[in-house]
C-alpha atoms as a PDB file:
ATOM      1  CA  MET A   1       0.000   0.000   0.000  1.00  0.00           C
ATOM      2  CA  LEU A   2       1.290   3.443  -0.905  1.00  0.00           C
ATOM      3  CA  GLU A   3       1.425   5.827   1.999  1.00  0.00           C
ATOM      4  CA  VAL A   4       2.474   9.428   1.516  1.00  0.00           C
ATOM      5  CA  VAL A   5       3.775  11.366   4.484  1.00  0.00           C
ATOM      6  CA  ILE A   6       2.829  14.783   3.171  1.00  0.00           C
ATOM      7  CA  ASN A   7       5.001  16.829   5.545  1.00  0.00           C
ATOM      8  CA  GLN A   8       8.082  14.860   4.520  1.00  0.00           C
ATOM      9  CA  ALA A   9       7.157  15.219   0.846  1.00  0.00           C
ATOM     10  CA  VAL A  10       6.883  19.000   1.218  1.00  0.00           C
ATOM     11  CA  TYR A  11      10.270  19.067   2.970  1.00  0.00           C
ATOM     12  CA  VAL A  12      11.839  17.074   0.119  1.00  0.00           C
ATOM     13  CA  GLN A  13      10.166  19.405  -2.373  1.00  0.00           C
ATOM     14  CA  GLU A  14      11.804  22.414  -0.710  1.00  0.00           C
ATOM     15  CA  ASN A  15      15.152  20.613  -0.612  1.00  0.00           C
ATOM     16  CA  LEU A  16      14.916  19.809  -4.329  1.00  0.00           C
ATOM     17  CA  GLU A  17      14.208  23.459  -5.055  1.00  0.00           C
ATOM     18  CA  GLN A  18      17.343  24.481  -3.149  1.00  0.00           C
ATOM     19  CA  GLN A  19      19.407  21.945  -5.095  1.00  0.00           C
ATOM     20  CA  ARG A  20      17.988  23.192  -8.389  1.00  0.00           C
ATOM     21  CA  ASN A  21      18.877  26.777  -7.469  1.00  0.00           C
ATOM     22  CA  PHE A  22      22.388  25.681  -6.505  1.00  0.00           C
ATOM     23  CA  LEU A  23      22.858  23.910  -9.850  1.00  0.00           C
ATOM     24  CA  ASN A  24      21.533  26.944 -11.729  1.00  0.00           C
ATOM     25  CA  ASN A  25      24.117  29.113  -9.974  1.00  0.00           C
ATOM     26  CA  GLN A  26      26.887  26.628 -10.749  1.00  0.00           C
ATOM     27  CA  ILE A  27      25.916  26.515 -14.427  1.00  0.00           C
ATOM     28  CA  TRP A  28      25.750  30.303 -14.593  1.00  0.00           C
ATOM     29  CA  GLU A  29      29.196  30.687 -12.991  1.00  0.00           C
ATOM     30  CA  LEU A  30      30.674  28.035 -15.275  1.00  0.00           C
ATOM     31  CA  GLU A  31      29.304  29.792 -18.358  1.00  0.00           C
ATOM     32  CA  ARG A  32      30.730  33.093 -17.130  1.00  0.00           C
ATOM     33  CA  VAL A  33      34.180  31.502 -16.736  1.00  0.00           C
ATOM     34  CA  MET A  34      33.857  29.947 -20.197  1.00  0.00           C
ATOM     35  CA  GLN A  35      33.108  33.357 -21.708  1.00  0.00           C
ATOM     36  CA  ASP A  36      36.149  34.839 -19.965  1.00  0.00           C
ATOM     37  CA  LEU A  37      38.405  32.024 -21.211  1.00  0.00           C
ATOM     38  CA  ASN A  38      36.974  32.070 -24.724  1.00  0.00           C
ATOM     39  CA  GLY A  39      38.920  35.209 -25.637  1.00  0.00           C
ATOM     40  CA  LEU A  40      42.259  33.803 -24.481  1.00  0.00           C
ATOM     41  CA  SER A  41      44.581  31.834 -26.718  1.00  0.00           C
ATOM     42  CA  ASP A  42      45.326  28.133 -26.273  1.00  0.00           C
ATOM     43  CA  MET A  43      42.213  27.481 -24.141  1.00  0.00           C
ATOM     44  CA  THR A  44      40.672  24.833 -26.392  1.00  0.00           C
ATOM     45  CA  GLY A  45      41.429  21.965 -23.977  1.00  0.00           C
ATOM     46  CA  PRO A  46      40.187  23.676 -20.814  1.00  0.00           C
ATOM     47  CA  LEU A  47      37.104  25.003 -22.631  1.00  0.00           C
ATOM     48  CA  SER A  48      36.104  21.560 -23.885  1.00  0.00           C
ATOM     49  CA  ALA A  49      36.539  20.166 -20.342  1.00  0.00           C
ATOM     50  CA  LEU A  50      34.350  22.990 -19.015  1.00  0.00           C
ATOM     51  CA  ARG A  51      31.725  22.285 -21.702  1.00  0.00           C
ATOM     52  CA  ARG A  52      31.583  18.628 -20.640  1.00  0.00           C
ATOM     53  CA  GLU A  53      31.198  19.718 -17.030  1.00  0.00           C
ATOM     54  CA  ARG A  54      28.434  22.146 -18.004  1.00  0.00           C
ATOM     55  CA  GLU A  55      26.604  19.378 -19.887  1.00  0.00           C
ATOM     56  CA  SER A  56      26.904  17.140 -16.829  1.00  0.00           C
ATOM     57  CA  LEU A  57      25.500  19.883 -14.578  1.00  0.00           C
ATOM     58  CA  GLN A  58      22.664  20.552 -17.025  1.00  0.00           C
ATOM     59  CA  GLU A  59      21.810  16.839 -17.125  1.00  0.00           C
ATOM     60  CA  SER A  60      21.757  16.755 -13.321  1.00  0.00           C
ATOM     61  CA  LYS A  61      19.473  19.788 -13.317  1.00  0.00           C
ATOM     62  CA  ARG A  62      17.109  18.143 -15.822  1.00  0.00           C
ATOM     63  CA  THR A  63      16.969  15.076 -13.578  1.00  0.00           C
ATOM     64  CA  LEU A  64      16.181  17.237 -10.542  1.00  0.00           C
ATOM     65  CA  ASP A  65      13.520  19.060 -12.565  1.00  0.00           C
ATOM     66  CA  LYS A  66      11.847  15.739 -13.418  1.00  0.00           C
ATOM     67  CA  MET A  67      12.034  14.590  -9.795  1.00  0.00           C
ATOM     68  CA  ALA A  68      10.530  17.867  -8.594  1.00  0.00           C
ATOM     69  CA  GLN A  69       7.769  17.637 -11.194  1.00  0.00           C
ATOM     70  CA  CYS A  70       6.895  14.078 -10.108  1.00  0.00           C
ATOM     71  CA  LEU A  71       6.888  15.096  -6.467  1.00  0.00           C
ATOM     72  CA  ASP A  72       4.694  18.124  -7.217  1.00  0.00           C
ATOM     73  CA  LYS A  73       2.191  15.876  -9.001  1.00  0.00           C
ATOM     74  CA  THR A  74       2.286  13.335  -6.175  1.00  0.00           C
ATOM     75  CA  ILE A  75       1.510  16.008  -3.588  1.00  0.00           C
ATOM     76  CA  LEU A  76      -1.221  17.488  -5.797  1.00  0.00           C
ATOM     77  CA  TYR A  77      -2.866  14.094  -6.445  1.00  0.00           C
ATOM     78  CA  TYR A  78      -2.594  13.091  -2.790  1.00  0.00           C
ATOM     79  CA  ASN A  79      -4.248  16.307  -1.596  1.00  0.00           C
ATOM     80  CA  SER A  80      -6.925  15.994  -4.277  1.00  0.00           C
ATOM     81  CA  CYS A  81      -7.753  12.400  -3.288  1.00  0.00           C
ATOM     82  CA  GLU A  82      -7.700  13.238   0.403  1.00  0.00           C
ATOM     83  CA  ASN A  83     -10.121  16.129  -0.155  1.00  0.00           C
ATOM     84  CA  ARG A  84     -12.376  13.918  -2.277  1.00  0.00           C
ATOM     85  CA  ILE A  85     -12.452  11.244   0.433  1.00  0.00           C
ATOM     86  CA  CYS A  86     -13.317  13.859   3.059  1.00  0.00           C
ATOM     87  CA  ASP A  87     -16.090  15.244   0.833  1.00  0.00           C
ATOM     88  CA  ASP A  88     -17.524  11.746   0.267  1.00  0.00           C
ATOM     89  CA  VAL A  89     -17.495  11.009   3.988  1.00  0.00           C
ATOM     90  CA  GLN A  90     -19.245  14.283   4.774  1.00  0.00           C
ATOM     91  CA  GLN A  91     -21.919  13.591   2.148  1.00  0.00           C
ATOM     92  CA  GLU A  92     -22.530  10.073   3.437  1.00  0.00           C
ATOM     93  CA  ALA A  93     -22.732  11.036   7.086  1.00  0.00           C
ATOM     94  CA  ILE A  94     -25.984   9.893   8.651  1.00  0.00           C
ATOM     95  CA  VAL A  95     -27.349  11.963  11.478  1.00  0.00           C
ATOM     96  CA  TYR A  96     -29.500  10.068  13.929  1.00  0.00           C
ATOM     97  CA  ARG A  97     -32.035  11.867  16.033  1.00  0.00           C
ATOM     98  CA  ARG A  98     -31.502  11.565  19.717  1.00  0.00           C
ATOM     99  CA  HIS A  99     -34.271   9.781  21.567  1.00  0.00           C
ATOM    100  CA  THR A 100     -34.995  10.212  25.226  1.00  0.00           C
ATOM    101  CA  ILE A 101     -36.264   7.465  27.434  1.00  0.00           C
ATOM    102  CA  GLY A 102     -38.367   8.286  30.430  1.00  0.00           C
ATOM    103  CA  THR A 103     -39.467   6.273  33.407  1.00  0.00           C
ATOM    104  CA  GLY A 104     -42.810   6.016  35.018  1.00  0.00           C
ATOM    105  CA  SER A 105     -44.661   4.280  37.808  1.00  0.00           C
ATOM    106  CA  PRO A 106     -47.289   1.558  37.178  1.00  0.00           C
ATOM    107  CA  GLN A 107     -49.612   3.427  39.522  1.00  0.00           C
ATOM    108  CA  ASN A 108     -49.804   6.235  36.980  1.00  0.00           C
ATOM    109  CA  ILE A 109     -51.225   4.001  34.237  1.00  0.00           C
ATOM    110  CA  SER A 110     -54.844   4.935  34.482  1.00  0.00           C
ATOM    111  CA  GLY A 111     -55.665   5.267  30.800  1.00  0.00           C
ATOM    112  CA  LEU A 112     -55.278   1.583  29.886  1.00  0.00           C
ATOM    113  CA  PRO A 113     -58.294  -0.676  29.850  1.00  0.00           C
ATOM    114  CA  HIS A 114     -58.791  -2.831  32.922  1.00  0.00           C
ATOM    115  CA  SER A 115     -58.603  -6.094  30.896  1.00  0.00           C
ATOM    116  CA  VAL A 116     -55.122  -5.339  29.604  1.00  0.00           C
ATOM    117  CA  LEU A 117     -53.795  -4.801  33.099  1.00  0.00           C
ATOM    118  CA  TYR A 118     -54.952  -8.172  34.493  1.00  0.00           C
ATOM    119  CA  GLU A 119     -54.647 -10.629  31.627  1.00  0.00           C
END
């Protein structure tokens, strides 16, 4: 049975967002360094190594994006199903009227016919 601990899922969602931001910053800084090195002579080797590293970072970011998207959908579907279950339960709730039970004394039964009392 699948059980989603929603608080933990939200925490992981926030953590994924932080990791995505970190990777974006790393990619941006790497591209800035590549632009600075591009104008210098004899930088073909280092630039190709930096390009490979950038591609690796971009692939990692795409993977994190997919993970975050799946987690977002999981949280959305879970909340939607939970709300639907709560709505169904509220619609199916049966309210029973409260009945009161009283007590009485046999001496106070004067309205019954005499034959019923002694049969």
